[in-house]
Amino acid sequence: MKTLSISKKEIAAISAAEVEELATRLEMDNYSNAFDGLNDWHLLRAIAFQRPELVEPYVHLLDLEPYDEA
């Protein structure tokens, strides 16, 4: 298993097409092991925090919706 490491500079260079490809992989959920899917999920989450406009159509994959825990 390799550790996912991506810099802010790399996230700044990611295109909308690359985010769409990432989201498509997550939606298909056809990974050879759980760690590959988890790495993609962490990457999409990192992009969401730094470039939310790119992830907006795929936010449902991240479960970042606010919860009412009253």
N, C-alpha and C. Protein backbone atom coordinates (compact mmCIF):
# COMPACT_ATOMS: atom_id res chain seq x y z
N MET A 1 0.85 -1.17 0.00
CA MET A 1 0.00 0.00 0.00
C MET A 1 0.89 1.23 0.00
N LYS A 2 0.63 2.17 -0.89
CA LYS A 2 1.41 3.39 -0.90
C LYS A 2 0.59 4.52 -0.27
N THR A 3 1.28 5.46 0.32
CA THR A 3 0.63 6.58 0.99
C THR A 3 0.35 7.68 -0.02
N LEU A 4 -0.82 8.23 0.03
CA LEU A 4 -1.21 9.32 -0.86
C LEU A 4 -0.63 10.61 -0.33
N SER A 5 0.08 11.32 -1.17
CA SER A 5 0.63 12.61 -0.80
C SER A 5 0.48 13.54 -1.99
N ILE A 6 -0.24 14.62 -1.77
CA ILE A 6 -0.46 15.59 -2.84
C ILE A 6 -0.34 16.99 -2.24
N SER A 7 0.37 17.84 -2.92
CA SER A 7 0.62 19.19 -2.41
C SER A 7 -0.48 20.15 -2.86
N LYS A 8 -0.51 21.30 -2.19
CA LYS A 8 -1.46 22.34 -2.58
C LYS A 8 -1.20 22.79 -4.01
N LYS A 9 0.05 22.81 -4.40
CA LYS A 9 0.41 23.22 -5.77
C LYS A 9 -0.17 22.22 -6.78
N GLU A 10 -0.09 20.93 -6.46
CA GLU A 10 -0.63 19.91 -7.35
C GLU A 10 -2.16 20.01 -7.43
N ILE A 11 -2.80 20.28 -6.32
CA ILE A 11 -4.26 20.44 -6.32
C ILE A 11 -4.65 21.67 -7.12
N ALA A 12 -3.86 22.73 -7.04
CA ALA A 12 -4.14 23.94 -7.81
C ALA A 12 -4.08 23.69 -9.31
N ALA A 13 -3.30 22.69 -9.72
CA ALA A 13 -3.14 22.39 -11.15
C ALA A 13 -4.15 21.37 -11.67
N ILE A 14 -4.97 20.80 -10.81
CA ILE A 14 -5.94 19.79 -11.24
C ILE A 14 -7.05 20.44 -12.06
N SER A 15 -7.41 19.78 -13.14
CA SER A 15 -8.45 20.31 -14.02
C SER A 15 -9.81 19.73 -13.66
N ALA A 16 -10.85 20.36 -14.17
CA ALA A 16 -12.22 19.87 -13.96
C ALA A 16 -12.39 18.48 -14.56
N ALA A 17 -11.73 18.21 -15.69
CA ALA A 17 -11.82 16.90 -16.32
C ALA A 17 -11.19 15.82 -15.43
N GLU A 18 -10.09 16.14 -14.77
CA GLU A 18 -9.45 15.18 -13.87
C GLU A 18 -10.33 14.89 -12.66
N VAL A 19 -11.00 15.92 -12.15
CA VAL A 19 -11.91 15.72 -11.02
C VAL A 19 -13.10 14.88 -11.46
N GLU A 20 -13.60 15.11 -12.66
CA GLU A 20 -14.71 14.31 -13.16
C GLU A 20 -14.30 12.84 -13.29
N GLU A 21 -13.09 12.59 -13.77
CA GLU A 21 -12.59 11.22 -13.90
C GLU A 21 -12.46 10.56 -12.52
N LEU A 22 -11.97 11.30 -11.55
CA LEU A 22 -11.85 10.82 -10.18
C LEU A 22 -13.22 10.48 -9.60
N ALA A 23 -14.17 11.36 -9.78
CA ALA A 23 -15.52 11.14 -9.27
C ALA A 23 -16.18 9.94 -9.96
N THR A 24 -15.93 9.77 -11.23
CA THR A 24 -16.48 8.63 -11.96
C THR A 24 -15.95 7.32 -11.38
N ARG A 25 -14.65 7.28 -11.09
CA ARG A 25 -14.08 6.07 -10.48
C ARG A 25 -14.74 5.79 -9.13
N LEU A 26 -14.94 6.85 -8.34
CA LEU A 26 -15.57 6.67 -7.03
C LEU A 26 -17.01 6.19 -7.18
N GLU A 27 -17.74 6.74 -8.13
CA GLU A 27 -19.13 6.32 -8.34
C GLU A 27 -19.22 4.88 -8.81
N MET A 28 -18.29 4.45 -9.64
CA MET A 28 -18.30 3.08 -10.15
C MET A 28 -17.88 2.10 -9.05
N ASP A 29 -17.05 2.54 -8.14
CA ASP A 29 -16.61 1.74 -7.00
C ASP A 29 -16.14 0.35 -7.44
N ASN A 30 -15.28 0.34 -8.45
CA ASN A 30 -14.78 -0.92 -9.00
C ASN A 30 -13.26 -0.98 -8.79
N TYR A 31 -12.84 -0.99 -7.54
CA TYR A 31 -11.43 -0.99 -7.19
C TYR A 31 -10.96 -2.41 -6.89
N SER A 32 -9.70 -2.66 -7.15
CA SER A 32 -9.15 -3.99 -6.86
C SER A 32 -8.94 -4.20 -5.37
N ASN A 33 -8.81 -3.09 -4.62
CA ASN A 33 -8.73 -3.19 -3.16
C ASN A 33 -9.31 -1.93 -2.53
N ALA A 34 -9.64 -2.01 -1.27
CA ALA A 34 -10.30 -0.90 -0.58
C ALA A 34 -9.40 0.32 -0.46
N PHE A 35 -8.10 0.11 -0.42
CA PHE A 35 -7.19 1.23 -0.24
C PHE A 35 -7.16 2.16 -1.44
N ASP A 36 -7.30 1.63 -2.64
CA ASP A 36 -7.34 2.47 -3.84
C ASP A 36 -8.56 3.39 -3.81
N GLY A 37 -9.70 2.85 -3.43
CA GLY A 37 -10.90 3.67 -3.31
C GLY A 37 -10.76 4.72 -2.22
N LEU A 38 -10.16 4.34 -1.11
CA LEU A 38 -9.97 5.28 -0.02
C LEU A 38 -9.01 6.40 -0.41
N ASN A 39 -7.97 6.07 -1.17
CA ASN A 39 -7.05 7.10 -1.66
C ASN A 39 -7.76 8.09 -2.57
N ASP A 40 -8.60 7.58 -3.47
CA ASP A 40 -9.37 8.48 -4.35
C ASP A 40 -10.30 9.36 -3.53
N TRP A 41 -10.94 8.78 -2.51
CA TRP A 41 -11.86 9.55 -1.67
C TRP A 41 -11.10 10.67 -0.94
N HIS A 42 -9.92 10.35 -0.40
CA HIS A 42 -9.12 11.37 0.29
C HIS A 42 -8.65 12.46 -0.68
N LEU A 43 -8.33 12.08 -1.89
CA LEU A 43 -7.93 13.07 -2.90
C LEU A 43 -9.10 14.00 -3.23
N LEU A 44 -10.27 13.44 -3.46
CA LEU A 44 -11.44 14.27 -3.76
C LEU A 44 -11.76 15.20 -2.58
N ARG A 45 -11.60 14.70 -1.39
CA ARG A 45 -11.85 15.51 -0.19
C ARG A 45 -10.84 16.66 -0.09
N ALA A 46 -9.58 16.39 -0.37
CA ALA A 46 -8.56 17.44 -0.35
C ALA A 46 -8.86 18.51 -1.40
N ILE A 47 -9.29 18.08 -2.56
CA ILE A 47 -9.66 19.03 -3.61
C ILE A 47 -10.86 19.86 -3.16
N ALA A 48 -11.81 19.23 -2.49
CA ALA A 48 -13.02 19.93 -2.03
C ALA A 48 -12.69 21.07 -1.07
N PHE A 49 -11.70 20.88 -0.24
CA PHE A 49 -11.34 21.92 0.72
C PHE A 49 -10.54 23.05 0.09
N GLN A 50 -9.79 22.75 -0.96
CA GLN A 50 -8.96 23.78 -1.59
C GLN A 50 -9.59 24.39 -2.84
N ARG A 51 -10.41 23.60 -3.54
CA ARG A 51 -11.04 24.07 -4.78
C ARG A 51 -12.47 23.58 -4.84
N PRO A 52 -13.32 24.05 -3.93
CA PRO A 52 -14.69 23.53 -3.81
C PRO A 52 -15.52 23.66 -5.09
N GLU A 53 -15.20 24.61 -5.93
CA GLU A 53 -15.98 24.79 -7.16
C GLU A 53 -15.85 23.59 -8.09
N LEU A 54 -14.73 22.88 -8.03
CA LEU A 54 -14.53 21.71 -8.88
C LEU A 54 -15.29 20.49 -8.37
N VAL A 55 -15.52 20.43 -7.07
CA VAL A 55 -16.12 19.25 -6.45
C VAL A 55 -17.61 19.40 -6.23
N GLU A 56 -18.13 20.59 -6.42
CA GLU A 56 -19.55 20.85 -6.13
C GLU A 56 -20.50 19.81 -6.73
N PRO A 57 -20.34 19.39 -7.99
CA PRO A 57 -21.26 18.39 -8.54
C PRO A 57 -21.11 16.99 -7.93
N TYR A 58 -20.03 16.78 -7.19
CA TYR A 58 -19.74 15.45 -6.65
C TYR A 58 -19.71 15.41 -5.13
N VAL A 59 -20.20 16.45 -4.48
CA VAL A 59 -20.13 16.54 -3.02
C VAL A 59 -20.86 15.38 -2.36
N HIS A 60 -21.83 14.80 -3.04
CA HIS A 60 -22.56 13.65 -2.48
C HIS A 60 -21.64 12.45 -2.23
N LEU A 61 -20.53 12.39 -2.92
CA LEU A 61 -19.57 11.30 -2.72
C LEU A 61 -18.77 11.45 -1.44
N LEU A 62 -18.79 12.64 -0.87
CA LEU A 62 -17.96 12.93 0.30
C LEU A 62 -18.73 12.97 1.61
N ASP A 63 -20.02 12.98 1.57
CA ASP A 63 -20.83 13.08 2.79
C ASP A 63 -20.45 14.31 3.61
N LEU A 64 -20.28 15.44 2.95
CA LEU A 64 -19.93 16.68 3.64
C LEU A 64 -21.15 17.53 3.96
N GLU A 65 -22.31 16.95 3.78
CA GLU A 65 -23.55 17.67 4.08
C GLU A 65 -23.63 17.93 5.59
N PRO A 66 -24.16 19.08 5.98
CA PRO A 66 -24.29 19.35 7.42
C PRO A 66 -25.32 18.41 8.07
N TYR A 67 -25.03 18.01 9.28
CA TYR A 67 -25.92 17.10 10.00
C TYR A 67 -26.62 17.85 11.12
N ASP A 68 -27.86 17.50 11.37
CA ASP A 68 -28.62 18.07 12.50
C ASP A 68 -28.59 17.03 13.61
N GLU A 69 -27.69 17.24 14.55
CA GLU A 69 -27.52 16.26 15.63
C GLU A 69 -28.11 16.75 16.93
N ALA A 70 -29.18 17.51 16.85
CA ALA A 70 -29.81 18.04 18.05
C ALA A 70 -30.57 16.99 18.82
